[in-house]
Amino acid sequence: MAGQRYIIEGGRRLEGTVRISGNKNAAVHAVTAALLTAEDCRLENLPAIEDVRYMLDILEALGVRVERRGSSLVLNAAQIHTFAAPS
């Protein structure tokens, strides 16, 4: 994604698919972006690394539904019930 930029202007619904390579930095950003919608967000080709695993554990504790399917995830942030991260 280096050198790429997305400009989002309000008033128009976003739709479509964006392919992001399965690397550590892209995975963490993609998981974070999934929190911006209350709808299911499917992420594919995520690397099996500790950073992602820890982040998903924290998000589940906050109320995010996380469904793991191999290297794919389905996240839904509609039921976040707290913003206090577990210790």
Protein backbone atom coordinates (compact mmCIF):
# COMPACT_ATOMS: atom_id res chain seq x y z
CA MET A 1 0.00 0.00 0.00
CA ALA A 2 3.01 2.32 0.11
CA GLY A 3 2.35 5.28 -2.11
CA GLN A 4 -1.36 4.52 -2.49
CA ARG A 5 -3.97 6.87 -1.13
CA TYR A 6 -7.74 6.64 -0.84
CA ILE A 7 -9.80 9.81 -0.56
CA ILE A 8 -13.31 9.26 0.77
CA GLU A 9 -15.88 12.02 0.41
CA GLY A 10 -19.20 11.75 2.21
CA GLY A 11 -22.64 11.39 0.72
CA ARG A 12 -21.98 8.33 -1.40
CA ARG A 13 -22.14 4.71 -0.33
CA LEU A 14 -18.89 2.77 -0.68
CA GLU A 15 -19.05 -0.67 -2.23
CA GLY A 16 -16.61 -3.08 -3.73
CA THR A 17 -13.63 -5.24 -2.94
CA VAL A 18 -10.09 -4.18 -2.14
CA ARG A 19 -7.29 -6.79 -2.35
CA ILE A 20 -4.59 -6.24 0.25
CA SER A 21 -1.60 -8.54 0.51
CA GLY A 22 -1.38 -10.67 3.63
CA ASN A 23 1.33 -8.82 5.52
CA LYS A 24 1.57 -7.81 9.16
CA ASN A 25 1.05 -4.07 8.77
CA ALA A 26 -1.85 -4.37 6.34
CA ALA A 27 -3.55 -6.96 8.58
CA VAL A 28 -3.54 -4.76 11.67
CA HIS A 29 -4.88 -1.77 9.71
CA ALA A 30 -7.56 -3.86 7.99
CA VAL A 31 -8.80 -5.25 11.32
CA THR A 32 -8.95 -1.71 12.71
CA ALA A 33 -10.87 -0.45 9.67
CA ALA A 34 -13.46 -3.21 10.19
CA LEU A 35 -14.50 -1.43 13.40
CA LEU A 36 -15.91 1.47 11.38
CA THR A 37 -19.02 -0.45 10.31
CA ALA A 38 -21.78 -2.25 12.19
CA GLU A 39 -22.05 -4.75 9.34
CA ASP A 40 -20.12 -7.98 8.83
CA CYS A 41 -16.65 -7.32 7.45
CA ARG A 42 -14.81 -10.26 5.89
CA LEU A 43 -11.02 -10.14 5.77
CA GLU A 44 -9.07 -12.77 3.86
CA ASN A 45 -5.44 -13.83 3.62
CA LEU A 46 -4.49 -12.59 7.09
CA PRO A 47 -1.14 -13.77 8.41
CA ALA A 48 -1.17 -15.94 11.56
CA ILE A 49 0.91 -13.63 13.73
CA GLU A 50 0.78 -12.67 17.40
CA ASP A 51 -0.06 -9.01 16.72
CA VAL A 52 -3.28 -9.97 14.95
CA ARG A 53 -4.16 -12.69 17.48
CA TYR A 54 -3.72 -10.32 20.45
CA MET A 55 -5.74 -7.62 18.73
CA LEU A 56 -8.59 -10.03 18.01
CA ASP A 57 -8.59 -11.22 21.64
CA ILE A 58 -8.92 -7.61 22.82
CA LEU A 59 -11.66 -6.83 20.30
CA GLU A 60 -13.65 -9.89 21.42
CA ALA A 61 -13.40 -8.67 25.03
CA LEU A 62 -14.83 -5.32 23.88
CA GLY A 63 -17.81 -7.06 22.25
CA VAL A 64 -16.74 -7.46 18.63
CA ARG A 65 -17.93 -10.73 17.09
CA VAL A 66 -14.94 -12.52 15.60
CA GLU A 67 -15.37 -15.62 13.44
CA ARG A 68 -12.11 -17.28 12.44
CA ARG A 69 -12.07 -19.44 9.32
CA GLY A 70 -8.51 -20.46 8.48
CA SER A 71 -6.76 -17.37 7.13
CA SER A 72 -10.08 -15.52 6.90
CA LEU A 73 -12.04 -13.55 9.48
CA VAL A 74 -15.53 -12.16 9.74
CA LEU A 75 -15.75 -9.22 12.15
CA ASN A 76 -18.87 -7.41 13.34
CA ALA A 77 -18.51 -4.41 15.66
CA ALA A 78 -22.24 -3.72 16.10
CA GLN A 79 -22.29 -4.98 19.70
CA ILE A 80 -19.28 -3.22 21.22
CA HIS A 81 -20.26 -2.81 24.87
CA THR A 82 -17.16 -1.21 26.37
CA PHE A 83 -14.13 0.79 25.35
CA ALA A 84 -12.03 -0.33 28.32
CA ALA A 85 -9.42 -2.82 27.14
CA PRO A 86 -8.86 -5.84 29.38
CA SER A 87 -5.73 -5.84 31.52
